[in-house]
PDB file of N, CA and C in Angstrom:
ATOM      1  N   MET A   1      88.720 100.622  75.843  1.00  0.00           N
ATOM      2  CA  MET A   1      90.299 100.680  75.283  1.00  0.00           C
ATOM      3  C   MET A   1      91.315 100.570  76.262  1.00  0.00           C
ATOM      4  N   HIS A   2      92.001 100.858  76.242  1.00  0.00           N
ATOM      5  CA  HIS A   2      92.897 100.694  77.655  1.00  0.00           C
ATOM      6  C   HIS A   2      94.512 101.448  76.364  1.00  0.00           C
ATOM      7  N   PHE A   3      95.119 101.245  77.725  1.00  0.00           N
ATOM      8  CA  PHE A   3      96.059 102.441  76.525  1.00  0.00           C
ATOM      9  C   PHE A   3      97.755 101.759  77.473  1.00  0.00           C
ATOM     10  N   ARG A   4      98.020 101.166  76.783  1.00  0.00           N
ATOM     11  CA  ARG A   4     100.108  99.916  77.779  1.00  0.00           C
ATOM     12  C   ARG A   4     101.120 100.344  76.974  1.00  0.00           C
ATOM     13  N   TYR A   5     101.618 101.464  78.540  1.00  0.00           N
ATOM     14  CA  TYR A   5     102.727 101.584  78.491  1.00  0.00           C
ATOM     15  C   TYR A   5     104.562 100.606  77.744  1.00  0.00           C
ATOM     16  N   ARG A   6     104.494 100.001  76.649  1.00  0.00           N
ATOM     17  CA  ARG A   6     105.633  99.756  76.541  1.00  0.00           C
ATOM     18  C   ARG A   6     106.931 101.088  75.900  1.00  0.00           C
ATOM     19  N   LYS A   7     108.005 100.970  77.300  1.00  0.00           N
ATOM     20  CA  LYS A   7     109.410 101.658  76.782  1.00  0.00           C
ATOM     21  C   LYS A   7     108.728 102.624  75.565  1.00  0.00           C
ATOM     22  N   ASN A   8     108.748 103.274  75.056  1.00  0.00           N
ATOM     23  CA  ASN A   8     108.751 104.320  74.137  1.00  0.00           C
ATOM     24  C   ASN A   8     107.473 104.678  73.392  1.00  0.00           C
ATOM     25  N   VAL A   9     106.160 103.529  73.032  1.00  0.00           N
ATOM     26  CA  VAL A   9     105.220 103.938  72.235  1.00  0.00           C
ATOM     27  C   VAL A   9     104.214 103.076  73.468  1.00  0.00           C
ATOM     28  N   VAL A  10     103.036 103.639  73.536  1.00  0.00           N
ATOM     29  CA  VAL A  10     102.165 103.084  74.446  1.00  0.00           C
ATOM     30  C   VAL A  10     101.017 102.271  73.112  1.00  0.00           C
ATOM     31  N   GLN A  11     100.876 101.304  73.722  1.00  0.00           N
ATOM     32  CA  GLN A  11     100.119 100.323  72.685  1.00  0.00           C
ATOM     33  C   GLN A  11      98.329 100.420  73.165  1.00  0.00           C
ATOM     34  N   LEU A  12      97.112 100.202  71.565  1.00  0.00           N
ATOM     35  CA  LEU A  12      96.580 100.793  71.644  1.00  0.00           C
ATOM     36  C   LEU A  12      95.246  99.620  72.059  1.00  0.00           C
ATOM     37  N   VAL A  13      94.979  99.224  73.573  1.00  0.00           N
ATOM     38  CA  VAL A  13      94.928  97.211  72.687  1.00  0.00           C
ATOM     39  C   VAL A  13      92.411  97.221  73.854  1.00  0.00           C
ATOM     40  N   ARG A  14      91.952  96.859  72.606  1.00  0.00           N
ATOM     41  CA  ARG A  14      91.036  96.631  72.057  1.00  0.00           C
ATOM     42  C   ARG A  14      90.562  95.611  72.990  1.00  0.00           C
ATOM     43  N   THR A  15      89.777  95.502  73.741  1.00  0.00           N
ATOM     44  CA  THR A  15      89.239  94.791  75.464  1.00  0.00           C
ATOM     45  C   THR A  15      87.328  93.924  74.267  1.00  0.00           C
ATOM     46  N   LEU A  16      87.573  92.212  73.629  1.00  0.00           N
ATOM     47  CA  LEU A  16      86.151  92.007  73.090  1.00  0.00           C
ATOM     48  C   LEU A  16      85.425  90.925  74.732  1.00  0.00           C
ATOM     49  N   TYR A  17      84.884  90.756  75.033  1.00  0.00           N
ATOM     50  CA  TYR A  17      84.105  90.020  75.472  1.00  0.00           C
ATOM     51  C   TYR A  17      83.311  88.430  74.593  1.00  0.00           C
ATOM     52  N   ASN A  18      83.803  87.318  74.833  1.00  0.00           N
ATOM     53  CA  ASN A  18      83.628  85.648  74.021  1.00  0.00           C
ATOM     54  C   ASN A  18      83.262  86.160  74.798  1.00  0.00           C
ATOM     55  N   GLN A  19      82.013  85.581  74.063  1.00  0.00           N
ATOM     56  CA  GLN A  19      80.477  84.874  74.764  1.00  0.00           C
ATOM     57  C   GLN A  19      80.599  83.370  74.501  1.00  0.00           C
ATOM     58  N   GLU A  20      81.289  82.507  73.244  1.00  0.00           N
ATOM     59  CA  GLU A  20      81.394  80.836  74.135  1.00  0.00           C
ATOM     60  C   GLU A  20      82.297  80.507  74.996  1.00  0.00           C
ATOM     61  N   THR A  21      83.525  80.935  76.124  1.00  0.00           N
ATOM     62  CA  THR A  21      84.109  81.084  76.673  1.00  0.00           C
ATOM     63  C   THR A  21      84.482  81.947  77.566  1.00  0.00           C
ATOM     64  N   LYS A  22      82.317  82.781  77.965  1.00  0.00           N
ATOM     65  CA  LYS A  22      83.181  83.661  78.632  1.00  0.00           C
ATOM     66  C   LYS A  22      83.784  84.019  79.254  1.00  0.00           C
ATOM     67  N   LYS A  23      84.990  84.947  78.491  1.00  0.00           N
ATOM     68  CA  LYS A  23      86.442  85.014  78.439  1.00  0.00           C
ATOM     69  C   LYS A  23      86.311  86.912  77.984  1.00  0.00           C
ATOM     70  N   PRO A  24      86.966  87.040  78.831  1.00  0.00           N
ATOM     71  CA  PRO A  24      87.399  89.133  77.794  1.00  0.00           C
ATOM     72  C   PRO A  24      88.432  88.215  77.105  1.00  0.00           C
ATOM     73  N   LYS A  25      88.987  89.118  75.813  1.00  0.00           N
ATOM     74  CA  LYS A  25      89.764  89.025  74.326  1.00  0.00           C
ATOM     75  C   LYS A  25      90.648  90.138  74.087  1.00  0.00           C
ATOM     76  N   THR A  26      91.794  90.040  74.678  1.00  0.00           N
ATOM     77  CA  THR A  26      92.344  91.672  74.378  1.00  0.00           C
ATOM     78  C   THR A  26      92.940  91.820  72.689  1.00  0.00           C
ATOM     79  N   GLU A  27      92.890  92.649  71.868  1.00  0.00           N
ATOM     80  CA  GLU A  27      93.879  92.247  70.913  1.00  0.00           C
ATOM     81  C   GLU A  27      94.274  94.035  71.509  1.00  0.00           C
ATOM     82  N   VAL A  28      95.631  94.073  70.731  1.00  0.00           N
ATOM     83  CA  VAL A  28      96.945  95.231  69.730  1.00  0.00           C
ATOM     84  C   VAL A  28      96.389  96.553  68.939  1.00  0.00           C
ATOM     85  N   VAL A  29      94.953  97.493  68.602  1.00  0.00           N
ATOM     86  CA  VAL A  29      95.115  97.571  67.933  1.00  0.00           C
ATOM     87  C   VAL A  29      95.994  98.144  66.786  1.00  0.00           C
ATOM     88  N   GLY A  30      96.702  98.966  68.165  1.00  0.00           N
ATOM     89  CA  GLY A  30      97.929 100.559  67.273  1.00  0.00           C
ATOM     90  C   GLY A  30      98.820 100.436  68.486  1.00  0.00           C
ATOM     91  N   ARG A  31     100.219 100.568  67.841  1.00  0.00           N
ATOM     92  CA  ARG A  31     100.870 101.813  68.695  1.00  0.00           C
ATOM     93  C   ARG A  31     100.367 103.367  68.319  1.00  0.00           C
ATOM     94  N   ILE A  32     101.518 104.026  69.451  1.00  0.00           N
ATOM     95  CA  ILE A  32     101.552 105.554  68.629  1.00  0.00           C
ATOM     96  C   ILE A  32     102.717 105.685  69.823  1.00  0.00           C
ATOM     97  N   PRO A  33     103.828 106.409  69.629  1.00  0.00           N
ATOM     98  CA  PRO A  33     105.177 106.694  70.072  1.00  0.00           C
ATOM     99  C   PRO A  33     104.963 107.395  70.875  1.00  0.00           C
ATOM    100  N   LEU A  34     105.574 107.580  71.791  1.00  0.00           N
ATOM    101  CA  LEU A  34     105.201 108.632  73.691  1.00  0.00           C
ATOM    102  C   LEU A  34     106.327 109.665  72.852  1.00  0.00           C
ATOM    103  N   THR A  35     106.855 109.381  72.579  1.00  0.00           N
ATOM    104  CA  THR A  35     107.388 111.384  71.287  1.00  0.00           C
ATOM    105  C   THR A  35     106.738 111.989  71.125  1.00  0.00           C
ATOM    106  N   ASP A  36     105.731 111.489  70.200  1.00  0.00           N
ATOM    107  CA  ASP A  36     104.982 112.797  69.783  1.00  0.00           C
ATOM    108  C   ASP A  36     103.195 111.417  68.806  1.00  0.00           C
ATOM    109  N   PRO A  37     103.040 111.299  69.950  1.00  0.00           N
ATOM    110  CA  PRO A  37     101.893 110.932  69.815  1.00  0.00           C
ATOM    111  C   PRO A  37     101.121 111.503  68.583  1.00  0.00           C
ATOM    112  N   ALA A  38     100.391 111.461  68.101  1.00  0.00           N
ATOM    113  CA  ALA A  38      99.452 111.225  66.561  1.00  0.00           C
ATOM    114  C   ALA A  38      98.905 110.355  66.297  1.00  0.00           C
ATOM    115  N   LEU A  39      98.103 110.611  66.147  1.00  0.00           N
ATOM    116  CA  LEU A  39      96.451 109.684  64.940  1.00  0.00           C
ATOM    117  C   LEU A  39      96.636 109.419  64.285  1.00  0.00           C
ATOM    118  N   THR A  40      97.851 108.736  63.215  1.00  0.00           N
ATOM    119  CA  THR A  40      97.618 108.575  62.231  1.00  0.00           C
ATOM    120  C   THR A  40      96.550 107.900  60.947  1.00  0.00           C
ATOM    121  N   LYS A  41      95.760 107.940  59.748  1.00  0.00           N
ATOM    122  CA  LYS A  41      95.283 107.644  58.515  1.00  0.00           C
ATOM    123  C   LYS A  41      94.825 106.413  59.450  1.00  0.00           C
ATOM    124  N   GLU A  42      95.656 105.870  59.315  1.00  0.00           N
ATOM    125  CA  GLU A  42      96.190 103.534  59.631  1.00  0.00           C
ATOM    126  C   GLU A  42      95.039 103.586  60.260  1.00  0.00           C
ATOM    127  N   LEU A  43      95.757 104.440  61.288  1.00  0.00           N
ATOM    128  CA  LEU A  43      94.701 104.030  62.450  1.00  0.00           C
ATOM    129  C   LEU A  43      93.909 103.961  63.031  1.00  0.00           C
ATOM    130  N   SER A  44      93.218 105.498  62.276  1.00  0.00           N
ATOM    131  CA  SER A  44      91.806 106.032  62.026  1.00  0.00           C
ATOM    132  C   SER A  44      91.636 104.444  61.285  1.00  0.00           C
ATOM    133  N   SER A  45      91.633 104.744  61.169  1.00  0.00           N
ATOM    134  CA  SER A  45      90.613 103.240  59.368  1.00  0.00           C
ATOM    135  C   SER A  45      90.283 101.751  60.644  1.00  0.00           C
ATOM    136  N   VAL A  46      90.572 101.820  61.864  1.00  0.00           N
ATOM    137  CA  VAL A  46      90.667 100.771  62.360  1.00  0.00           C
ATOM    138  C   VAL A  46      89.523 100.844  63.894  1.00  0.00           C
ATOM    139  N   LEU A  47      89.534 101.955  64.109  1.00  0.00           N
ATOM    140  CA  LEU A  47      89.097 102.237  65.127  1.00  0.00           C
ATOM    141  C   LEU A  47      88.050 102.971  65.001  1.00  0.00           C
ATOM    142  N   THR A  48      87.221 101.956  65.725  1.00  0.00           N
ATOM    143  CA  THR A  48      85.695 102.845  65.473  1.00  0.00           C
ATOM    144  C   THR A  48      85.570 105.345  66.118  1.00  0.00           C
ATOM    145  N   SER A  49      84.513 105.036  66.106  1.00  0.00           N
ATOM    146  CA  SER A  49      84.510 106.725  66.326  1.00  0.00           C
ATOM    147  C   SER A  49      83.787 107.201  67.664  1.00  0.00           C
ATOM    148  N   ALA A  50      83.749 105.948  68.808  1.00  0.00           N
ATOM    149  CA  ALA A  50      84.141 106.094  70.556  1.00  0.00           C
ATOM    150  C   ALA A  50      85.884 106.192  70.791  1.00  0.00           C
ATOM    151  N   GLU A  51      86.642 105.169  70.024  1.00  0.00           N
ATOM    152  CA  GLU A  51      88.215 105.296  69.786  1.00  0.00           C
ATOM    153  C   GLU A  51      88.175 105.576  70.087  1.00  0.00           C
ATOM    154  N   ILE A  52      88.196 106.492  68.558  1.00  0.00           N
ATOM    155  CA  ILE A  52      89.003 107.697  68.294  1.00  0.00           C
ATOM    156  C   ILE A  52      88.814 109.697  69.117  1.00  0.00           C
ATOM    157  N   ALA A  53      87.641 108.843  69.409  1.00  0.00           N
ATOM    158  CA  ALA A  53      87.720 110.442  70.190  1.00  0.00           C
ATOM    159  C   ALA A  53      88.125 109.617  71.907  1.00  0.00           C
ATOM    160  N   GLU A  54      88.202 108.665  72.404  1.00  0.00           N
ATOM    161  CA  GLU A  54      88.880 108.456  73.285  1.00  0.00           C
ATOM    162  C   GLU A  54      90.704 108.784  73.200  1.00  0.00           C
ATOM    163  N   VAL A  55      91.323 108.317  71.984  1.00  0.00           N
ATOM    164  CA  VAL A  55      92.051 107.810  71.447  1.00  0.00           C
ATOM    165  C   VAL A  55      92.496 110.319  71.742  1.00  0.00           C
ATOM    166  N   GLU A  56      91.558 110.546  70.746  1.00  0.00           N
ATOM    167  CA  GLU A  56      92.171 112.209  70.253  1.00  0.00           C
ATOM    168  C   GLU A  56      92.458 112.747  71.837  1.00  0.00           C
ATOM    169  N   SER A  57      91.070 112.286  73.626  1.00  0.00           N
ATOM    170  CA  SER A  57      91.371 112.639  74.659  1.00  0.00           C
ATOM    171  C   SER A  57      93.012 112.741  75.147  1.00  0.00           C
ATOM    172  N   TRP A  58      93.059 110.921  75.339  1.00  0.00           N
ATOM    173  CA  TRP A  58      94.823 110.362  75.236  1.00  0.00           C
ATOM    174  C   TRP A  58      95.429 111.524  74.848  1.00  0.00           C
ATOM    175  N   ILE A  59      96.051 111.771  73.920  1.00  0.00           N
ATOM    176  CA  ILE A  59      96.218 112.440  73.643  1.00  0.00           C
ATOM    177  C   ILE A  59      96.561 114.165  73.863  1.00  0.00           C
ATOM    178  N   LYS A  60      95.696 114.523  73.918  1.00  0.00           N
ATOM    179  CA  LYS A  60      95.242 115.864  74.247  1.00  0.00           C
ATOM    180  C   LYS A  60      95.796 115.787  75.554  1.00  0.00           C
ATOM    181  N   ARG A  61      95.379 114.819  76.194  1.00  0.00           N
ATOM    182  CA  ARG A  61      95.908 114.734  77.778  1.00  0.00           C
ATOM    183  C   ARG A  61      97.817 114.512  78.215  1.00  0.00           C
ATOM    184  N   GLN A  62      98.057 113.704  77.188  1.00  0.00           N
ATOM    185  CA  GLN A  62      98.985 113.521  76.563  1.00  0.00           C
ATOM    186  C   GLN A  62      99.943 114.694  76.662  1.00  0.00           C
ATOM    187  N   HIS A  63      99.760 114.972  74.975  1.00  0.00           N
ATOM    188  CA  HIS A  63     100.653 116.689  75.252  1.00  0.00           C
ATOM    189  C   HIS A  63     100.737 117.530  77.123  1.00  0.00           C
ATOM    190  N   ARG A  64      99.149 117.485  77.162  1.00  0.00           N
ATOM    191  CA  ARG A  64      99.622 118.888  78.370  1.00  0.00           C
ATOM    192  C   ARG A  64     100.051 118.131  79.563  1.00  0.00           C
ATOM    193  N   THR A  65     100.297 116.365  79.874  1.00  0.00           N
ATOM    194  CA  THR A  65     101.104 116.789  81.200  1.00  0.00           C
ATOM    195  C   THR A  65     102.702 115.905  80.149  1.00  0.00           C
ATOM    196  N   THR A  66     102.910 116.640  78.723  1.00  0.00           N
ATOM    197  CA  THR A  66     104.608 117.082  78.791  1.00  0.00           C
ATOM    198  C   THR A  66     104.270 118.326  79.107  1.00  0.00           C
ATOM    199  N   LEU A  67     103.895 119.061  78.937  1.00  0.00           N
ATOM    200  CA  LEU A  67     104.319 120.807  79.051  1.00  0.00           C
ATOM    201  C   LEU A  67     103.938 120.445  80.742  1.00  0.00           C
ATOM    202  N   LEU A  68     103.089 120.510  81.686  1.00  0.00           N
ATOM    203  CA  LEU A  68     102.924 121.298  82.559  1.00  0.00           C
ATOM    204  C   LEU A  68     104.561 120.262  83.460  1.00  0.00           C
ATOM    205  N   ARG A  69     104.656 119.201  82.654  1.00  0.00           N
ATOM    206  CA  ARG A  69     106.953 118.803  83.073  1.00  0.00           C
ATOM    207  C   ARG A  69     107.587 119.569  82.760  1.00  0.00           C
ATOM    208  N   GLU A  70     107.491 119.595  81.508  1.00  0.00           N
ATOM    209  CA  GLU A  70     107.910 120.791  80.773  1.00  0.00           C
ATOM    210  C   GLU A  70     108.741 122.190  81.884  1.00  0.00           C
ATOM    211  N   GLU A  71     107.707 122.261  81.906  1.00  0.00           N
ATOM    212  CA  GLU A  71     107.213 123.939  82.822  1.00  0.00           C
ATOM    213  C   GLU A  71     107.915 123.706  84.528  1.00  0.00           C
ATOM    214  N   LEU A  72     107.172 122.391  84.630  1.00  0.00           N
ATOM    215  CA  LEU A  72     107.386 122.392  86.618  1.00  0.00           C
ATOM    216  C   LEU A  72     109.395 121.861  86.179  1.00  0.00           C
ATOM    217  N   ALA A  73     109.614 121.443  86.096  1.00  0.00           N
ATOM    218  CA  ALA A  73     111.388 121.221  85.453  1.00  0.00           C
ATOM    219  C   ALA A  73     111.881 122.713  84.812  1.00  0.00           C
ATOM    220  N   ALA A  74     111.360 123.902  84.337  1.00  0.00           N
ATOM    221  CA  ALA A  74     112.026 124.537  84.570  1.00  0.00           C
ATOM    222  C   ALA A  74     111.307 125.358  85.205  1.00  0.00           C
ATOM    223  N   LEU A  75     111.028 125.427  86.424  1.00  0.00           N
ATOM    224  CA  LEU A  75     110.256 126.407  87.400  1.00  0.00           C
ATOM    225  C   LEU A  75     111.128 126.100  88.796  1.00  0.00           C
ATOM    226  N   THR A  76     111.700 124.723  88.081  1.00  0.00           N
ATOM    227  CA  THR A  76     112.686 123.865  89.668  1.00  0.00           C
ATOM    228  C   THR A  76     113.514 123.466  89.019  1.00  0.00           C
ATOM    229  N   LEU A  77     114.112 124.463  88.323  1.00  0.00           N
ATOM    230  CA  LEU A  77     116.030 124.227  87.935  1.00  0.00           C
ATOM    231  C   LEU A  77     117.529 124.098  89.033  1.00  0.00           C
ATOM    232  N   SER A  78     116.437 125.731  89.591  1.00  0.00           N
ATOM    233  CA  SER A  78     118.129 126.438  89.914  1.00  0.00           C
ATOM    234  C   SER A  78     117.669 125.863  91.281  1.00  0.00           C
ATOM    235  N   GLU A  79     116.679 124.887  92.385  1.00  0.00           N
ATOM    236  CA  GLU A  79     116.377 124.305  93.349  1.00  0.00           C
ATOM    237  C   GLU A  79     117.081 123.163  93.053  1.00  0.00           C
ATOM    238  N   ALA A  80     116.296 122.030  92.308  1.00  0.00           N
ATOM    239  CA  ALA A  80     117.811 121.191  91.649  1.00  0.00           C
ATOM    240  C   ALA A  80     119.052 120.815  91.463  1.00  0.00           C
ATOM    241  N   LEU A  81     119.343 122.557  90.863  1.00  0.00           N
ATOM    242  CA  LEU A  81     120.823 122.618  90.642  1.00  0.00           C
ATOM    243  C   LEU A  81     121.802 123.138  91.746  1.00  0.00           C
ATOM    244  N   ASP A  82     120.831 123.436  92.982  1.00  0.00           N
ATOM    245  CA  ASP A  82     121.173 123.184  94.316  1.00  0.00           C
ATOM    246  C   ASP A  82     121.658 122.774  95.189  1.00  0.00           C
ATOM    247  N   HIS A  83     120.221 121.995  95.028  1.00  0.00           N
ATOM    248  CA  HIS A  83     121.211 120.370  95.365  1.00  0.00           C
ATOM    249  C   HIS A  83     122.269 119.083  94.972  1.00  0.00           C
ATOM    250  N   ALA A  84     122.301 119.316  93.614  1.00  0.00           N
ATOM    251  CA  ALA A  84     123.076 118.880  93.012  1.00  0.00           C
ATOM    252  C   ALA A  84     124.335 118.436  92.948  1.00  0.00           C
ATOM    253  N   ASN A  85     124.480 120.766  93.588  1.00  0.00           N
ATOM    254  CA  ASN A  85     125.186 121.168  93.769  1.00  0.00           C
ATOM    255  C   ASN A  85     126.034 120.647  94.790  1.00  0.00           C
ATOM    256  N   ARG A  86     125.188 120.522  96.315  1.00  0.00           N
ATOM    257  CA  ARG A  86     125.604 120.350  97.224  1.00  0.00           C
ATOM    258  C   ARG A  86     126.164 118.585  96.965  1.00  0.00           C
ATOM    259  N   TRP A  87     124.529 117.711  96.312  1.00  0.00           N
ATOM    260  CA  TRP A  87     124.974 116.495  96.496  1.00  0.00           C
ATOM    261  C   TRP A  87     127.161 115.713  95.537  1.00  0.00           C
ATOM    262  N   PHE A  88     127.706 116.942  94.422  1.00  0.00           N
ATOM    263  CA  PHE A  88     128.854 116.750  94.156  1.00  0.00           C
ATOM    264  C   PHE A  88     129.811 117.596  95.335  1.00  0.00           C
ATOM    265  N   VAL A  89     129.688 118.631  96.016  1.00  0.00           N
ATOM    266  CA  VAL A  89     131.064 118.271  97.400  1.00  0.00           C
ATOM    267  C   VAL A  89     130.843 117.146  97.332  1.00  0.00           C
ATOM    268  N   ARG A  90     129.881 116.305  98.135  1.00  0.00           N
ATOM    269  CA  ARG A  90     129.804 115.832  99.388  1.00  0.00           C
ATOM    270  C   ARG A  90     131.036 114.088  98.402  1.00  0.00           C
ATOM    271  N   GLN A  91     130.532 114.074  97.392  1.00  0.00           N
ATOM    272  CA  GLN A  91     131.607 113.234  96.675  1.00  0.00           C
ATOM    273  C   GLN A  91     133.006 113.251  96.331  1.00  0.00           C
ATOM    274  N   GLY A  92     132.879 114.489  96.176  1.00  0.00           N
ATOM    275  CA  GLY A  92     133.857 114.496  95.365  1.00  0.00           C
ATOM    276  C   GLY A  92     134.320 113.693  94.827  1.00  0.00           C
ATOM    277  N   GLU A  93     135.672 112.677  94.025  1.00  0.00           N
ATOM    278  CA  GLU A  93     135.683 112.547  92.660  1.00  0.00           C
ATOM    279  C   GLU A  93     134.845 111.470  92.591  1.00  0.00           C
ATOM    280  N   SER A  94     133.843 110.860  92.703  1.00  0.00           N
ATOM    281  CA  SER A  94     133.517 109.609  94.141  1.00  0.00           C
ATOM    282  C   SER A  94     133.610 108.921  92.137  1.00  0.00           C
ATOM    283  N   ALA A  95     132.882 107.599  91.595  1.00  0.00           N
ATOM    284  CA  ALA A  95     133.097 107.205  90.758  1.00  0.00           C
ATOM    285  C   ALA A  95     131.108 107.288  90.089  1.00  0.00           C
ATOM    286  N   GLU A  96     130.436 107.821  91.640  1.00  0.00           N
ATOM    287  CA  GLU A  96     128.862 107.611  90.305  1.00  0.00           C
ATOM    288  C   GLU A  96     129.139 109.754  90.340  1.00  0.00           C
ATOM    289  N   ALA A  97     130.447 110.751  91.278  1.00  0.00           N
ATOM    290  CA  ALA A  97     129.573 111.688  90.786  1.00  0.00           C
ATOM    291  C   ALA A  97     129.915 111.916  89.756  1.00  0.00           C
ATOM    292  N   ASN A  98     131.694 111.504  89.160  1.00  0.00           N
ATOM    293  CA  ASN A  98     132.513 111.268  87.185  1.00  0.00           C
ATOM    294  C   ASN A  98     130.512 110.576  86.016  1.00  0.00           C
ATOM    295  N   GLU A  99     130.298 109.560  86.417  1.00  0.00           N
ATOM    296  CA  GLU A  99     129.505 108.968  85.800  1.00  0.00           C
ATOM    297  C   GLU A  99     127.658 110.062  86.514  1.00  0.00           C
ATOM    298  N   ALA A 100     127.801 111.043  86.123  1.00  0.00           N
ATOM    299  CA  ALA A 100     126.942 112.122  86.461  1.00  0.00           C
ATOM    300  C   ALA A 100     127.027 112.676  86.349  1.00  0.00           C
ATOM    301  N   ALA A 101     128.790 113.682  86.908  1.00  0.00           N
ATOM    302  CA  ALA A 101     128.915 115.224  85.937  1.00  0.00           C
ATOM    303  C   ALA A 101     128.855 114.577  83.759  1.00  0.00           C
ATOM    304  N   ALA A 102     129.018 112.956  83.783  1.00  0.00           N
ATOM    305  CA  ALA A 102     129.722 112.472  82.682  1.00  0.00           C
ATOM    306  C   ALA A 102     128.292 113.306  81.783  1.00  0.00           C
ATOM    307  N   ASN A 103     126.895 112.857  82.356  1.00  0.00           N
ATOM    308  CA  ASN A 103     125.635 112.767  81.776  1.00  0.00           C
ATOM    309  C   ASN A 103     125.262 113.980  81.925  1.00  0.00           C
ATOM    310  N   LEU A 104     125.503 114.817  82.837  1.00  0.00           N
ATOM    311  CA  LEU A 104     125.324 116.076  83.522  1.00  0.00           C
ATOM    312  C   LEU A 104     125.255 116.996  81.818  1.00  0.00           C
ATOM    313  N   LEU A 105     126.778 118.243  82.009  1.00  0.00           N
ATOM    314  CA  LEU A 105     127.805 118.128  81.104  1.00  0.00           C
ATOM    315  C   LEU A 105     127.117 118.459  80.119  1.00  0.00           C
ATOM    316  N   PRO A 106     126.314 117.626  79.096  1.00  0.00           N
ATOM    317  CA  PRO A 106     125.525 117.721  77.597  1.00  0.00           C
ATOM    318  C   PRO A 106     124.034 118.080  77.788  1.00  0.00           C
ATOM    319  N   ALA A 107     123.371 117.503  78.852  1.00  0.00           N
ATOM    320  CA  ALA A 107     122.703 118.798  79.129  1.00  0.00           C
ATOM    321  C   ALA A 107     122.348 120.230  79.843  1.00  0.00           C
ATOM    322  N   LEU A 108     123.323 120.450  80.261  1.00  0.00           N
ATOM    323  CA  LEU A 108     124.403 121.803  80.720  1.00  0.00           C
ATOM    324  C   LEU A 108     124.042 122.961  79.584  1.00  0.00           C
ATOM    325  N   GLN A 109     125.521 122.344  78.744  1.00  0.00           N
ATOM    326  CA  GLN A 109     124.974 122.950  77.172  1.00  0.00           C
ATOM    327  C   GLN A 109     124.199 122.987  76.097  1.00  0.00           C
ATOM    328  N   ALA A 110     122.598 121.972  75.665  1.00  0.00           N
ATOM    329  CA  ALA A 110     122.021 122.020  75.787  1.00  0.00           C
ATOM    330  C   ALA A 110     122.159 123.378  75.988  1.00  0.00           C
ATOM    331  N   LEU A 111     120.902 123.177  76.979  1.00  0.00           N
ATOM    332  CA  LEU A 111     120.336 124.021  78.696  1.00  0.00           C
ATOM    333  C   LEU A 111     121.131 125.942  77.656  1.00  0.00           C
ATOM    334  N   ARG A 112     122.444 125.772  77.909  1.00  0.00           N
ATOM    335  CA  ARG A 112     123.156 127.588  78.008  1.00  0.00           C
ATOM    336  C   ARG A 112     122.730 126.893  76.533  1.00  0.00           C
ATOM    337  N   LYS A 113     123.257 126.748  74.990  1.00  0.00           N
ATOM    338  CA  LYS A 113     123.041 127.388  73.882  1.00  0.00           C
ATOM    339  C   LYS A 113     121.897 127.595  73.822  1.00  0.00           C
ATOM    340  N   THR A 114     120.133 127.332  74.498  1.00  0.00           N
ATOM    341  CA  THR A 114     118.569 127.463  73.597  1.00  0.00           C
ATOM    342  C   THR A 114     117.879 128.796  75.187  1.00  0.00           C
ATOM    343  N   LEU A 115     118.677 129.053  76.113  1.00  0.00           N
ATOM    344  CA  LEU A 115     118.785 129.481  76.754  1.00  0.00           C
ATOM    345  C   LEU A 115     119.646 131.261  76.322  1.00  0.00           C
ATOM    346  N   LYS A 116     120.987 131.667  75.468  1.00  0.00           N
ATOM    347  CA  LYS A 116     121.328 132.228  74.851  1.00  0.00           C
ATOM    348  C   LYS A 116     120.836 132.838  73.619  1.00  0.00           C
ATOM    349  N   SER A 117     119.804 131.290  73.167  1.00  0.00           N
ATOM    350  CA  SER A 117     119.631 132.054  71.461  1.00  0.00           C
ATOM    351  C   SER A 117     118.178 132.537  71.869  1.00  0.00           C
ATOM    352  N   ASN A 118     117.785 132.249  72.859  1.00  0.00           N
ATOM    353  CA  ASN A 118     115.725 133.295  73.763  1.00  0.00           C
ATOM    354  C   ASN A 118     116.638 134.669  74.212  1.00  0.00           C
ATOM    355  N   HIS A 119     117.864 134.761  74.181  1.00  0.00           N
ATOM    356  CA  HIS A 119     118.506 136.074  74.827  1.00  0.00           C
ATOM    357  C   HIS A 119     117.993 136.127  75.818  1.00  0.00           C
ATOM    358  N   LEU A 120     118.397 135.031  76.778  1.00  0.00           N
ATOM    359  CA  LEU A 120     118.395 134.473  78.547  1.00  0.00           C
ATOM    360  C   LEU A 120     119.290 134.705  79.081  1.00  0.00           C
ATOM    361  N   LEU A 121     120.347 135.569  78.472  1.00  0.00           N
ATOM    362  CA  LEU A 121     121.883 134.509  79.199  1.00  0.00           C
ATOM    363  C   LEU A 121     122.400 136.301  79.360  1.00  0.00           C
ATOM    364  N   GLY A 122     122.441 136.710  80.144  1.00  0.00           N
ATOM    365  CA  GLY A 122     123.181 138.751  80.337  1.00  0.00           C
ATOM    366  C   GLY A 122     124.164 138.893  79.640  1.00  0.00           C
TER     367      GLY A 122
END
């Protein structure tokens, strides 16, 4: 089994060897959303026990990877903001700076709200 990433989902692909054609044949046996990967009962019913173990291992690795990315982002955010600040200074009122600022402001507001609700702002 292998995992094929497609935008917001990962496809679970089983490869079977066809004795007549002497070629492998792949089939998508299910899909899992990347935002909240979980093994459903329906999906478990079409997988072998070895495939279930493989999918569960993939899900654990996916969760761990997400947690590590989030931690890295939090721990390096101040440095990234310093870099962004220098870039905005150089850009002035350019179209790129306006677009970046429009995308940045909602994220900054959400972060400030989280920091405030967790009593992390002075």
